[in-house]
Amino acid sequence: MNPRTPVSPISPRALLLAFMVSATQIGGPALAGGSDPARAEPAAEGPAASCVPLTHVQRRILANASDGTDALRRFVTITKSIYQLDMAETAEWLGAHRAKSAACPPPRA
């Protein structure tokens, strides 16, 4: 390869998505929750499918959402380049999560 040839960088989101796809193809842990790694949830089956543990980013989204819409909007805007979040997708995930988690028992302390 010519050292002067410009190399286009791969975005972290694309790299993580490629890793997730290859991991599931070789028998790695399956992920559910869409292609967005910030909102990916470990796959579960049966009645507890909606009661899976949350990722660190998902817990932060819920914490900011509990502080209000402005706090959530600030969090998404500030961390957009880090977690590849989008306000519309985040709001959609939040609504779906709240609907699913209504059937879950409260977490044990």
Protein backbone atom coordinates (compact mmCIF):
# COMPACT_ATOMS: atom_id res chain seq x y z
CA MET A 1 0.00 0.00 0.00
CA ASN A 2 1.26 3.42 -0.91
CA PRO A 3 1.90 5.47 2.27
CA ARG A 4 0.44 8.53 0.55
CA THR A 5 -2.85 6.80 -0.19
CA PRO A 6 -5.49 8.25 2.15
CA VAL A 7 -7.09 5.66 4.38
CA SER A 8 -10.67 6.26 5.36
CA PRO A 9 -11.14 5.66 9.07
CA ILE A 10 -13.74 3.16 10.21
CA SER A 11 -16.22 4.62 12.63
CA PRO A 12 -16.35 2.94 16.07
CA ARG A 13 -20.02 2.16 15.50
CA ALA A 14 -19.32 0.35 12.22
CA LEU A 15 -16.42 -1.54 13.76
CA LEU A 16 -18.50 -2.67 16.75
CA LEU A 17 -21.38 -3.68 14.48
CA ALA A 18 -19.01 -5.74 12.32
CA PHE A 19 -17.64 -7.41 15.45
CA MET A 20 -21.15 -8.19 16.73
CA VAL A 21 -22.15 -9.72 13.39
CA SER A 22 -19.00 -11.84 13.20
CA ALA A 23 -19.37 -12.94 16.84
CA THR A 24 -22.90 -14.18 16.25
CA GLN A 25 -21.85 -15.98 13.06
CA ILE A 26 -19.13 -17.95 14.88
CA GLY A 27 -21.33 -18.87 17.81
CA GLY A 28 -20.70 -15.90 20.07
CA PRO A 29 -23.34 -14.39 22.34
CA ALA A 30 -26.40 -13.26 20.44
CA LEU A 31 -27.56 -9.72 20.90
CA ALA A 32 -31.07 -8.36 20.57
CA GLY A 33 -32.28 -4.77 20.53
CA GLY A 34 -31.35 -3.57 17.08
CA SER A 35 -28.04 -2.75 15.49
CA ASP A 36 -27.18 0.07 17.85
CA PRO A 37 -24.54 -1.15 20.33
CA ALA A 38 -25.50 1.46 22.89
CA ARG A 39 -28.92 -0.10 23.19
CA ALA A 40 -28.03 -3.77 22.58
CA GLU A 41 -29.42 -6.16 25.15
CA PRO A 42 -28.36 -9.77 25.78
CA ALA A 43 -30.82 -12.14 24.09
CA ALA A 44 -33.33 -13.84 26.37
CA GLU A 45 -36.23 -16.18 25.81
CA GLY A 46 -39.51 -16.87 27.57
CA PRO A 47 -41.43 -14.59 29.92
CA ALA A 48 -38.24 -13.00 31.27
CA ALA A 49 -37.25 -11.78 27.78
CA SER A 50 -38.19 -8.20 28.68
CA CYS A 51 -36.45 -8.33 32.06
CA VAL A 52 -32.84 -8.57 30.86
CA PRO A 53 -30.16 -6.53 32.65
CA LEU A 54 -29.42 -3.10 31.22
CA THR A 55 -26.10 -1.95 29.81
CA HIS A 56 -24.20 0.96 31.36
CA VAL A 57 -25.40 3.35 28.63
CA GLN A 58 -29.01 2.22 29.02
CA ARG A 59 -28.84 2.85 32.78
CA ARG A 60 -27.44 6.34 32.11
CA ILE A 61 -30.24 7.03 29.60
CA LEU A 62 -32.86 6.01 32.17
CA ALA A 63 -31.22 8.09 34.90
CA ASN A 64 -31.19 11.19 32.70
CA ALA A 65 -34.74 10.54 31.49
CA SER A 66 -35.92 10.43 35.11
CA ASP A 67 -34.44 13.94 35.53
CA GLY A 68 -36.62 15.24 32.70
CA THR A 69 -36.64 15.80 28.96
CA ASP A 70 -34.05 18.58 29.06
CA ALA A 71 -31.59 16.41 31.01
CA LEU A 72 -32.06 13.56 28.53
CA ARG A 73 -31.62 15.91 25.57
CA ARG A 74 -28.40 17.32 27.10
CA PHE A 75 -27.06 13.79 27.75
CA VAL A 76 -27.80 12.65 24.19
CA THR A 77 -26.29 15.82 22.69
CA ILE A 78 -23.14 15.72 24.81
CA THR A 79 -22.49 11.99 24.35
CA LYS A 80 -23.63 11.78 20.72
CA SER A 81 -20.11 11.29 19.37
CA ILE A 82 -19.20 8.80 22.10
CA TYR A 83 -22.24 6.49 22.15
CA GLN A 84 -23.62 7.31 18.66
CA LEU A 85 -26.99 8.24 20.18
CA ASP A 86 -29.83 9.92 18.36
CA MET A 87 -32.65 11.67 20.24
CA ALA A 88 -35.42 10.08 18.16
CA GLU A 89 -33.98 6.55 18.50
CA THR A 90 -33.33 7.09 22.21
CA ALA A 91 -36.89 8.27 22.82
CA GLU A 92 -38.23 5.29 20.85
CA TRP A 93 -36.07 2.86 22.87
CA LEU A 94 -37.13 4.54 26.12
CA GLY A 95 -40.83 4.14 25.31
CA ALA A 96 -40.37 0.50 24.33
CA HIS A 97 -38.31 -0.21 27.45
CA ARG A 98 -40.89 1.36 29.74
CA ALA A 99 -43.65 -0.70 28.12
CA LYS A 100 -41.64 -3.94 28.42
CA SER A 101 -40.35 -3.35 31.93
CA ALA A 102 -43.82 -2.82 33.39
CA ALA A 103 -44.16 -6.63 33.67
CA CYS A 104 -40.76 -7.12 35.31
CA PRO A 105 -40.40 -7.62 39.05
CA PRO A 106 -38.48 -4.84 40.85
CA PRO A 107 -34.71 -5.45 41.05
CA ARG A 108 -33.34 -6.95 44.24
CA ALA A 109 -31.10 -4.74 46.31
